[in-house]
Amino acid sequence: MNIDFSRNFDRQFHSRLTAVQRQQALDIIELFIDEPFHKDLRNHTLYGKWKGYRSISLGGDLRLHFKEIGANRVIFEAVGNHNQLYKS
């Protein structure tokens, strides 16, 4: 699987996550590459303003949002907690 990261994701990754959370995110992304629907990821479709995207869990209230842009390619678009990702 090919993984890309949007500029927005990169900014959020460094500004919203602690060093420990960043390492956890990298570990979760590795798991996602190996097994995209592993039960611990809680991979699910999003709706509303995030229609067309999917989300995986980083644990607790943190989520990673991504979009499938090809048969074997995704781009991670956003990272944050529920309030950060779903505020109007």
PDB file of N, CA and C in Angstrom:
ATOM      1  N   MET A   1       0.847  -1.177   0.000  1.00  0.00           N
ATOM      2  CA  MET A   1       0.000   0.000   0.000  1.00  0.00           C
ATOM      3  C   MET A   1       0.895   1.244   0.000  1.00  0.00           C
ATOM      4  N   ASN A   2       0.517   2.211  -0.817  1.00  0.00           N
ATOM      5  CA  ASN A   2       1.225   3.488  -0.872  1.00  0.00           C
ATOM      6  C   ASN A   2       0.500   4.501   0.001  1.00  0.00           C
ATOM      7  N   ILE A   3       1.263   5.173   0.844  1.00  0.00           N
ATOM      8  CA  ILE A   3       0.720   6.149   1.784  1.00  0.00           C
ATOM      9  C   ILE A   3       1.299   7.523   1.462  1.00  0.00           C
ATOM     10  N   ASP A   4       0.419   8.518   1.387  1.00  0.00           N
ATOM     11  CA  ASP A   4       0.834   9.911   1.250  1.00  0.00           C
ATOM     12  C   ASP A   4       0.259  10.689   2.423  1.00  0.00           C
ATOM     13  N   PHE A   5       0.837  11.849   2.684  1.00  0.00           N
ATOM     14  CA  PHE A   5       0.374  12.722   3.759  1.00  0.00           C
ATOM     15  C   PHE A   5       0.179  14.117   3.201  1.00  0.00           C
ATOM     16  N   SER A   6      -0.988  14.687   3.445  1.00  0.00           N
ATOM     17  CA  SER A   6      -1.247  16.051   2.985  1.00  0.00           C
ATOM     18  C   SER A   6      -0.434  17.035   3.825  1.00  0.00           C
ATOM     19  N   ARG A   7      -0.268  18.220   3.314  1.00  0.00           N
ATOM     20  CA  ARG A   7       0.430  19.281   4.045  1.00  0.00           C
ATOM     21  C   ARG A   7      -0.311  19.578   5.354  1.00  0.00           C
ATOM     22  N   ASN A   8      -1.632  19.567   5.291  1.00  0.00           N
ATOM     23  CA  ASN A   8      -2.453  19.800   6.472  1.00  0.00           C
ATOM     24  C   ASN A   8      -2.194  18.723   7.529  1.00  0.00           C
ATOM     25  N   PHE A   9      -2.135  17.466   7.099  1.00  0.00           N
ATOM     26  CA  PHE A   9      -1.869  16.369   8.032  1.00  0.00           C
ATOM     27  C   PHE A   9      -0.510  16.580   8.703  1.00  0.00           C
ATOM     28  N   ASP A  10       0.502  16.911   7.924  1.00  0.00           N
ATOM     29  CA  ASP A  10       1.840  17.125   8.482  1.00  0.00           C
ATOM     30  C   ASP A  10       1.825  18.220   9.554  1.00  0.00           C
ATOM     31  N   ARG A  11       1.147  19.322   9.286  1.00  0.00           N
ATOM     32  CA  ARG A  11       1.056  20.413  10.265  1.00  0.00           C
ATOM     33  C   ARG A  11       0.368  19.946  11.540  1.00  0.00           C
ATOM     34  N   GLN A  12      -0.770  19.270  11.379  1.00  0.00           N
ATOM     35  CA  GLN A  12      -1.521  18.794  12.538  1.00  0.00           C
ATOM     36  C   GLN A  12      -0.732  17.739  13.318  1.00  0.00           C
ATOM     37  N   PHE A  13      -0.051  16.873  12.608  1.00  0.00           N
ATOM     38  CA  PHE A  13       0.740  15.816  13.222  1.00  0.00           C
ATOM     39  C   PHE A  13       1.756  16.412  14.196  1.00  0.00           C
ATOM     40  N   HIS A  14       2.398  17.488  13.790  1.00  0.00           N
ATOM     41  CA  HIS A  14       3.426  18.102  14.638  1.00  0.00           C
ATOM     42  C   HIS A  14       2.866  19.073  15.673  1.00  0.00           C
ATOM     43  N   SER A  15       1.734  19.693  15.402  1.00  0.00           N
ATOM     44  CA  SER A  15       1.202  20.687  16.339  1.00  0.00           C
ATOM     45  C   SER A  15       0.203  20.112  17.339  1.00  0.00           C
ATOM     46  N   ARG A  16      -0.509  19.058  16.972  1.00  0.00           N
ATOM     47  CA  ARG A  16      -1.551  18.522  17.847  1.00  0.00           C
ATOM     48  C   ARG A  16      -1.116  17.320  18.669  1.00  0.00           C
ATOM     49  N   LEU A  17      -0.057  16.650  18.257  1.00  0.00           N
ATOM     50  CA  LEU A  17       0.344  15.423  18.941  1.00  0.00           C
ATOM     51  C   LEU A  17       1.640  15.616  19.715  1.00  0.00           C
ATOM     52  N   THR A  18       1.707  14.962  20.854  1.00  0.00           N
ATOM     53  CA  THR A  18       2.947  14.954  21.621  1.00  0.00           C
ATOM     54  C   THR A  18       3.922  14.000  20.928  1.00  0.00           C
ATOM     55  N   ALA A  19       5.162  14.003  21.373  1.00  0.00           N
ATOM     56  CA  ALA A  19       6.164  13.094  20.803  1.00  0.00           C
ATOM     57  C   ALA A  19       5.728  11.633  20.953  1.00  0.00           C
ATOM     58  N   VAL A  20       5.169  11.293  22.096  1.00  0.00           N
ATOM     59  CA  VAL A  20       4.698   9.915  22.329  1.00  0.00           C
ATOM     60  C   VAL A  20       3.549   9.589  21.381  1.00  0.00           C
ATOM     61  N   GLN A  21       2.603  10.511  21.218  1.00  0.00           N
ATOM     62  CA  GLN A  21       1.479  10.292  20.311  1.00  0.00           C
ATOM     63  C   GLN A  21       1.938  10.188  18.865  1.00  0.00           C
ATOM     64  N   ARG A  22       2.941  10.957  18.486  1.00  0.00           N
ATOM     65  CA  ARG A  22       3.474  10.867  17.122  1.00  0.00           C
ATOM     66  C   ARG A  22       4.045   9.480  16.859  1.00  0.00           C
ATOM     67  N   GLN A  23       4.766   8.928  17.827  1.00  0.00           N
ATOM     68  CA  GLN A  23       5.304   7.579  17.659  1.00  0.00           C
ATOM     69  C   GLN A  23       4.175   6.556  17.591  1.00  0.00           C
ATOM     70  N   GLN A  24       3.141   6.733  18.427  1.00  0.00           N
ATOM     71  CA  GLN A  24       1.983   5.837  18.380  1.00  0.00           C
ATOM     72  C   GLN A  24       1.310   5.919  17.013  1.00  0.00           C
ATOM     73  N   ALA A  25       1.213   7.125  16.466  1.00  0.00           N
ATOM     74  CA  ALA A  25       0.592   7.299  15.145  1.00  0.00           C
ATOM     75  C   ALA A  25       1.395   6.561  14.081  1.00  0.00           C
ATOM     76  N   LEU A  26       2.711   6.660  14.135  1.00  0.00           N
ATOM     77  CA  LEU A  26       3.544   5.949  13.168  1.00  0.00           C
ATOM     78  C   LEU A  26       3.366   4.439  13.299  1.00  0.00           C
ATOM     79  N   ASP A  27       3.240   3.953  14.529  1.00  0.00           N
ATOM     80  CA  ASP A  27       3.004   2.521  14.755  1.00  0.00           C
ATOM     81  C   ASP A  27       1.647   2.099  14.196  1.00  0.00           C
ATOM     82  N   ILE A  28       0.635   2.934  14.405  1.00  0.00           N
ATOM     83  CA  ILE A  28      -0.710   2.637  13.899  1.00  0.00           C
ATOM     84  C   ILE A  28      -0.714   2.640  12.374  1.00  0.00           C
ATOM     85  N   ILE A  29       0.006   3.564  11.768  1.00  0.00           N
ATOM     86  CA  ILE A  29       0.082   3.614  10.307  1.00  0.00           C
ATOM     87  C   ILE A  29       0.765   2.362   9.765  1.00  0.00           C
ATOM     88  N   GLU A  30       1.793   1.875  10.461  1.00  0.00           N
ATOM     89  CA  GLU A  30       2.452   0.620  10.059  1.00  0.00           C
ATOM     90  C   GLU A  30       1.466  -0.546  10.127  1.00  0.00           C
ATOM     91  N   LEU A  31       0.675  -0.600  11.205  1.00  0.00           N
ATOM     92  CA  LEU A  31      -0.341  -1.644  11.327  1.00  0.00           C
ATOM     93  C   LEU A  31      -1.355  -1.516  10.188  1.00  0.00           C
ATOM     94  N   PHE A  32      -1.755  -0.291   9.882  1.00  0.00           N
ATOM     95  CA  PHE A  32      -2.701  -0.035   8.801  1.00  0.00           C
ATOM     96  C   PHE A  32      -2.153  -0.538   7.459  1.00  0.00           C
ATOM     97  N   ILE A  33      -0.872  -0.303   7.214  1.00  0.00           N
ATOM     98  CA  ILE A  33      -0.252  -0.767   5.968  1.00  0.00           C
ATOM     99  C   ILE A  33      -0.308  -2.294   5.880  1.00  0.00           C
ATOM    100  N   ASP A  34      -0.015  -2.954   6.998  1.00  0.00           N
ATOM    101  CA  ASP A  34       0.007  -4.422   7.026  1.00  0.00           C
ATOM    102  C   ASP A  34      -1.383  -5.042   7.013  1.00  0.00           C
ATOM    103  N   GLU A  35      -2.310  -4.410   7.747  1.00  0.00           N
ATOM    104  CA  GLU A  35      -3.652  -4.981   7.906  1.00  0.00           C
ATOM    105  C   GLU A  35      -4.671  -3.850   8.080  1.00  0.00           C
ATOM    106  N   PRO A  36      -5.129  -3.258   6.969  1.00  0.00           N
ATOM    107  CA  PRO A  36      -5.973  -2.056   7.026  1.00  0.00           C
ATOM    108  C   PRO A  36      -7.258  -2.185   7.850  1.00  0.00           C
ATOM    109  N   PHE A  37      -7.758  -3.388   8.019  1.00  0.00           N
ATOM    110  CA  PHE A  37      -9.004  -3.546   8.766  1.00  0.00           C
ATOM    111  C   PHE A  37      -8.792  -4.314  10.072  1.00  0.00           C
ATOM    112  N   HIS A  38      -7.594  -4.206  10.630  1.00  0.00           N
ATOM    113  CA  HIS A  38      -7.322  -4.805  11.940  1.00  0.00           C
ATOM    114  C   HIS A  38      -8.317  -4.218  12.936  1.00  0.00           C
ATOM    115  N   LYS A  39      -8.832  -5.060  13.823  1.00  0.00           N
ATOM    116  CA  LYS A  39      -9.888  -4.615  14.745  1.00  0.00           C
ATOM    117  C   LYS A  39      -9.461  -3.444  15.631  1.00  0.00           C
ATOM    118  N   ASP A  40      -8.189  -3.353  15.979  1.00  0.00           N
ATOM    119  CA  ASP A  40      -7.716  -2.265  16.836  1.00  0.00           C
ATOM    120  C   ASP A  40      -7.766  -0.902  16.140  1.00  0.00           C
ATOM    121  N   LEU A  41      -7.786  -0.889  14.816  1.00  0.00           N
ATOM    122  CA  LEU A  41      -7.830   0.366  14.068  1.00  0.00           C
ATOM    123  C   LEU A  41      -9.215   0.997  14.053  1.00  0.00           C
ATOM    124  N   ARG A  42     -10.227   0.167  14.210  1.00  0.00           N
ATOM    125  CA  ARG A  42     -11.623   0.638  14.136  1.00  0.00           C
ATOM    126  C   ARG A  42     -11.845   1.455  12.866  1.00  0.00           C
ATOM    127  N   ASN A  43     -11.365   0.931  11.752  1.00  0.00           N
ATOM    128  CA  ASN A  43     -11.461   1.579  10.440  1.00  0.00           C
ATOM    129  C   ASN A  43     -12.937   1.691  10.049  1.00  0.00           C
ATOM    130  N   HIS A  44     -13.380   2.912   9.767  1.00  0.00           N
ATOM    131  CA  HIS A  44     -14.789   3.104   9.412  1.00  0.00           C
ATOM    132  C   HIS A  44     -14.972   4.289   8.473  1.00  0.00           C
ATOM    133  N   THR A  45     -16.078   4.254   7.757  1.00  0.00           N
ATOM    134  CA  THR A  45     -16.469   5.306   6.819  1.00  0.00           C
ATOM    135  C   THR A  45     -16.964   6.530   7.582  1.00  0.00           C
ATOM    136  N   LEU A  46     -16.670   7.700   7.041  1.00  0.00           N
ATOM    137  CA  LEU A  46     -17.130   8.949   7.640  1.00  0.00           C
ATOM    138  C   LEU A  46     -18.269   9.549   6.815  1.00  0.00           C
ATOM    139  N   TYR A  47     -19.046  10.421   7.452  1.00  0.00           N
ATOM    140  CA  TYR A  47     -20.190  11.056   6.812  1.00  0.00           C
ATOM    141  C   TYR A  47     -20.141  12.558   7.045  1.00  0.00           C
ATOM    142  N   GLY A  48     -21.132  13.257   6.538  1.00  0.00           N
ATOM    143  CA  GLY A  48     -21.201  14.703   6.718  1.00  0.00           C
ATOM    144  C   GLY A  48     -20.089  15.398   5.970  1.00  0.00           C
ATOM    145  N   LYS A  49     -19.426  16.356   6.628  1.00  0.00           N
ATOM    146  CA  LYS A  49     -18.369  17.121   5.948  1.00  0.00           C
ATOM    147  C   LYS A  49     -17.181  16.246   5.581  1.00  0.00           C
ATOM    148  N   TRP A  50     -17.058  15.063   6.173  1.00  0.00           N
ATOM    149  CA  TRP A  50     -15.974  14.122   5.874  1.00  0.00           C
ATOM    150  C   TRP A  50     -16.422  12.992   4.959  1.00  0.00           C
ATOM    151  N   LYS A  51     -17.549  13.167   4.287  1.00  0.00           N
ATOM    152  CA  LYS A  51     -18.039  12.144   3.363  1.00  0.00           C
ATOM    153  C   LYS A  51     -16.958  11.835   2.316  1.00  0.00           C
ATOM    154  N   GLY A  52     -16.737  10.542   2.066  1.00  0.00           N
ATOM    155  CA  GLY A  52     -15.710  10.124   1.122  1.00  0.00           C
ATOM    156  C   GLY A  52     -14.394   9.773   1.795  1.00  0.00           C
ATOM    157  N   TYR A  53     -14.316  10.021   3.104  1.00  0.00           N
ATOM    158  CA  TYR A  53     -13.117   9.722   3.876  1.00  0.00           C
ATOM    159  C   TYR A  53     -13.384   8.547   4.810  1.00  0.00           C
ATOM    160  N   ARG A  54     -12.310   8.022   5.364  1.00  0.00           N
ATOM    161  CA  ARG A  54     -12.386   6.975   6.369  1.00  0.00           C
ATOM    162  C   ARG A  54     -11.557   7.423   7.565  1.00  0.00           C
ATOM    163  N   SER A  55     -11.754   6.760   8.696  1.00  0.00           N
ATOM    164  CA  SER A  55     -11.038   7.117   9.905  1.00  0.00           C
ATOM    165  C   SER A  55     -10.513   5.868  10.587  1.00  0.00           C
ATOM    166  N   ILE A  56      -9.320   5.990  11.188  1.00  0.00           N
ATOM    167  CA  ILE A  56      -8.803   4.931  12.051  1.00  0.00           C
ATOM    168  C   ILE A  56      -8.483   5.549  13.404  1.00  0.00           C
ATOM    169  N   SER A  57      -8.499   4.710  14.422  1.00  0.00           N
ATOM    170  CA  SER A  57      -8.283   5.164  15.790  1.00  0.00           C
ATOM    171  C   SER A  57      -6.810   5.138  16.156  1.00  0.00           C
ATOM    172  N   LEU A  58      -6.392   6.183  16.842  1.00  0.00           N
ATOM    173  CA  LEU A  58      -5.047   6.247  17.397  1.00  0.00           C
ATOM    174  C   LEU A  58      -5.097   5.889  18.880  1.00  0.00           C
ATOM    175  N   GLY A  59      -6.285   5.598  19.362  1.00  0.00           N
ATOM    176  CA  GLY A  59      -6.485   5.296  20.775  1.00  0.00           C
ATOM    177  C   GLY A  59      -7.119   6.486  21.463  1.00  0.00           C
ATOM    178  N   GLY A  60      -7.901   6.213  22.458  1.00  0.00           N
ATOM    179  CA  GLY A  60      -8.606   7.290  23.149  1.00  0.00           C
ATOM    180  C   GLY A  60      -9.492   8.045  22.192  1.00  0.00           C
ATOM    181  N   ASP A  61      -9.387   9.347  22.196  1.00  0.00           N
ATOM    182  CA  ASP A  61     -10.230  10.209  21.370  1.00  0.00           C
ATOM    183  C   ASP A  61      -9.526  10.651  20.078  1.00  0.00           C
ATOM    184  N   LEU A  62      -8.316  10.170  19.827  1.00  0.00           N
ATOM    185  CA  LEU A  62      -7.558  10.606  18.657  1.00  0.00           C
ATOM    186  C   LEU A  62      -7.868   9.769  17.423  1.00  0.00           C
ATOM    187  N   ARG A  63      -8.001  10.454  16.296  1.00  0.00           N
ATOM    188  CA  ARG A  63      -8.330   9.802  15.026  1.00  0.00           C
ATOM    189  C   ARG A  63      -7.399  10.271  13.922  1.00  0.00           C
ATOM    190  N   LEU A  64      -7.215   9.406  12.934  1.00  0.00           N
ATOM    191  CA  LEU A  64      -6.489   9.731  11.709  1.00  0.00           C
ATOM    192  C   LEU A  64      -7.474   9.585  10.565  1.00  0.00           C
ATOM    193  N   HIS A  65      -7.699  10.645   9.804  1.00  0.00           N
ATOM    194  CA  HIS A  65      -8.625  10.608   8.676  1.00  0.00           C
ATOM    195  C   HIS A  65      -7.846  10.484   7.371  1.00  0.00           C
ATOM    196  N   PHE A  66      -8.354   9.621   6.492  1.00  0.00           N
ATOM    197  CA  PHE A  66      -7.676   9.409   5.218  1.00  0.00           C
ATOM    198  C   PHE A  66      -8.693   9.195   4.112  1.00  0.00           C
ATOM    199  N   LYS A  67      -8.197   9.298   2.889  1.00  0.00           N
ATOM    200  CA  LYS A  67      -9.037   9.082   1.713  1.00  0.00           C
ATOM    201  C   LYS A  67      -8.335   8.083   0.807  1.00  0.00           C
ATOM    202  N   GLU A  68      -9.097   7.134   0.310  1.00  0.00           N
ATOM    203  CA  GLU A  68      -8.574   6.180  -0.663  1.00  0.00           C
ATOM    204  C   GLU A  68      -8.542   6.882  -2.015  1.00  0.00           C
ATOM    205  N   ILE A  69      -7.374   6.922  -2.643  1.00  0.00           N
ATOM    206  CA  ILE A  69      -7.252   7.626  -3.920  1.00  0.00           C
ATOM    207  C   ILE A  69      -6.818   6.693  -5.038  1.00  0.00           C
ATOM    208  N   GLY A  70      -6.899   5.426  -4.773  1.00  0.00           N
ATOM    209  CA  GLY A  70      -6.553   4.419  -5.763  1.00  0.00           C
ATOM    210  C   GLY A  70      -6.742   3.048  -5.162  1.00  0.00           C
ATOM    211  N   ALA A  71      -6.537   2.031  -5.980  1.00  0.00           N
ATOM    212  CA  ALA A  71      -6.743   0.666  -5.515  1.00  0.00           C
ATOM    213  C   ALA A  71      -5.840   0.315  -4.335  1.00  0.00           C
ATOM    214  N   ASN A  72      -4.666   0.864  -4.311  1.00  0.00           N
ATOM    215  CA  ASN A  72      -3.717   0.517  -3.261  1.00  0.00           C
ATOM    216  C   ASN A  72      -2.984   1.763  -2.762  1.00  0.00           C
ATOM    217  N   ARG A  73      -3.728   2.889  -2.699  1.00  0.00           N
ATOM    218  CA  ARG A  73      -3.109   4.157  -2.316  1.00  0.00           C
ATOM    219  C   ARG A  73      -4.074   4.984  -1.470  1.00  0.00           C
ATOM    220  N   VAL A  74      -3.556   5.554  -0.383  1.00  0.00           N
ATOM    221  CA  VAL A  74      -4.359   6.437   0.461  1.00  0.00           C
ATOM    222  C   VAL A  74      -3.550   7.677   0.796  1.00  0.00           C
ATOM    223  N   ILE A  75      -4.286   8.743   1.120  1.00  0.00           N
ATOM    224  CA  ILE A  75      -3.642   9.963   1.591  1.00  0.00           C
ATOM    225  C   ILE A  75      -4.259  10.320   2.942  1.00  0.00           C
ATOM    226  N   PHE A  76      -3.408  10.493   3.942  1.00  0.00           N
ATOM    227  CA  PHE A  76      -3.872  10.917   5.254  1.00  0.00           C
ATOM    228  C   PHE A  76      -4.057  12.426   5.212  1.00  0.00           C
ATOM    229  N   GLU A  77      -5.249  12.873   5.622  1.00  0.00           N
ATOM    230  CA  GLU A  77      -5.634  14.284   5.498  1.00  0.00           C
ATOM    231  C   GLU A  77      -5.684  15.034   6.815  1.00  0.00           C
ATOM    232  N   ALA A  78      -6.016  14.352   7.916  1.00  0.00           N
ATOM    233  CA  ALA A  78      -6.193  15.068   9.183  1.00  0.00           C
ATOM    234  C   ALA A  78      -5.930  14.136  10.355  1.00  0.00           C
ATOM    235  N   VAL A  79      -5.517  14.742  11.463  1.00  0.00           N
ATOM    236  CA  VAL A  79      -5.312  14.022  12.713  1.00  0.00           C
ATOM    237  C   VAL A  79      -5.741  14.939  13.848  1.00  0.00           C
ATOM    238  N   GLY A  80      -6.386  14.359  14.841  1.00  0.00           N
ATOM    239  CA  GLY A  80      -6.793  15.156  15.992  1.00  0.00           C
ATOM    240  C   GLY A  80      -7.828  14.433  16.813  1.00  0.00           C
ATOM    241  N   ASN A  81      -8.287  15.118  17.857  1.00  0.00           N
ATOM    242  CA  ASN A  81      -9.350  14.526  18.671  1.00  0.00           C
ATOM    243  C   ASN A  81     -10.708  14.863  18.053  1.00  0.00           C
ATOM    244  N   HIS A  82     -11.740  14.335  18.645  1.00  0.00           N
ATOM    245  CA  HIS A  82     -13.092  14.491  18.095  1.00  0.00           C
ATOM    246  C   HIS A  82     -13.455  15.958  17.906  1.00  0.00           C
ATOM    247  N   ASN A  83     -13.220  16.780  18.906  1.00  0.00           N
ATOM    248  CA  ASN A  83     -13.572  18.201  18.809  1.00  0.00           C
ATOM    249  C   ASN A  83     -12.800  18.909  17.700  1.00  0.00           C
ATOM    250  N   GLN A  84     -11.529  18.602  17.553  1.00  0.00           N
ATOM    251  CA  GLN A  84     -10.707  19.238  16.526  1.00  0.00           C
ATOM    252  C   GLN A  84     -11.159  18.843  15.115  1.00  0.00           C
ATOM    253  N   LEU A  85     -11.564  17.610  14.947  1.00  0.00           N
ATOM    254  CA  LEU A  85     -11.916  17.116  13.605  1.00  0.00           C
ATOM    255  C   LEU A  85     -13.358  17.402  13.202  1.00  0.00           C
ATOM    256  N   TYR A  86     -14.252  17.522  14.179  1.00  0.00           N
ATOM    257  CA  TYR A  86     -15.663  17.646  13.844  1.00  0.00           C
ATOM    258  C   TYR A  86     -16.276  18.987  14.222  1.00  0.00           C
ATOM    259  N   LYS A  87     -15.466  19.942  14.696  1.00  0.00           N
ATOM    260  CA  LYS A  87     -16.043  21.251  15.014  1.00  0.00           C
ATOM    261  C   LYS A  87     -16.479  21.940  13.726  1.00  0.00           C
ATOM    262  N   SER A  88     -17.499  22.773  13.825  1.00  0.00           N
ATOM    263  CA  SER A  88     -17.993  23.445  12.626  1.00  0.00           C
ATOM    264  C   SER A  88     -17.119  24.586  12.203  1.00  0.00           C
TER     265      SER A  88
END
